[in-house]
């Protein structure tokens, strides 16, 4: 087993480029997550209801790895990048649930009745 990889986690040629790239990816994921949370907030303001997914997504955005995990010390930012993917995807799934729960018909017993004008 190569123990030098554990001692020198992120050094050598190309290390800074990798760090900067992973920081940029983390920030891009955070920006996308922020847009999703703002879209959920806009939908909530238009049609109140379903505040739990919005609160959960906002909390995840508040602790997003783009600003809570350091890329400078450790593994060249690979943890930051991977955690950003996971948190942003989770916010995306929460938004899908939010849209489904607020846009589906509330009264399913009347869903098959014809509309009258």
Foldseek 3Di string as FASTA:
>chain_A
DDCVCVVCQADDPPLQVLLVVLLVLLVVLLVLLVVLLVVLVVVCVVPPDDCVLSVVSVVLSVCQLSPPPHCPPGHSNPVNNVSSVVSSVVNVVSSVVSCVVRPDDPDPVCPPPDDDD
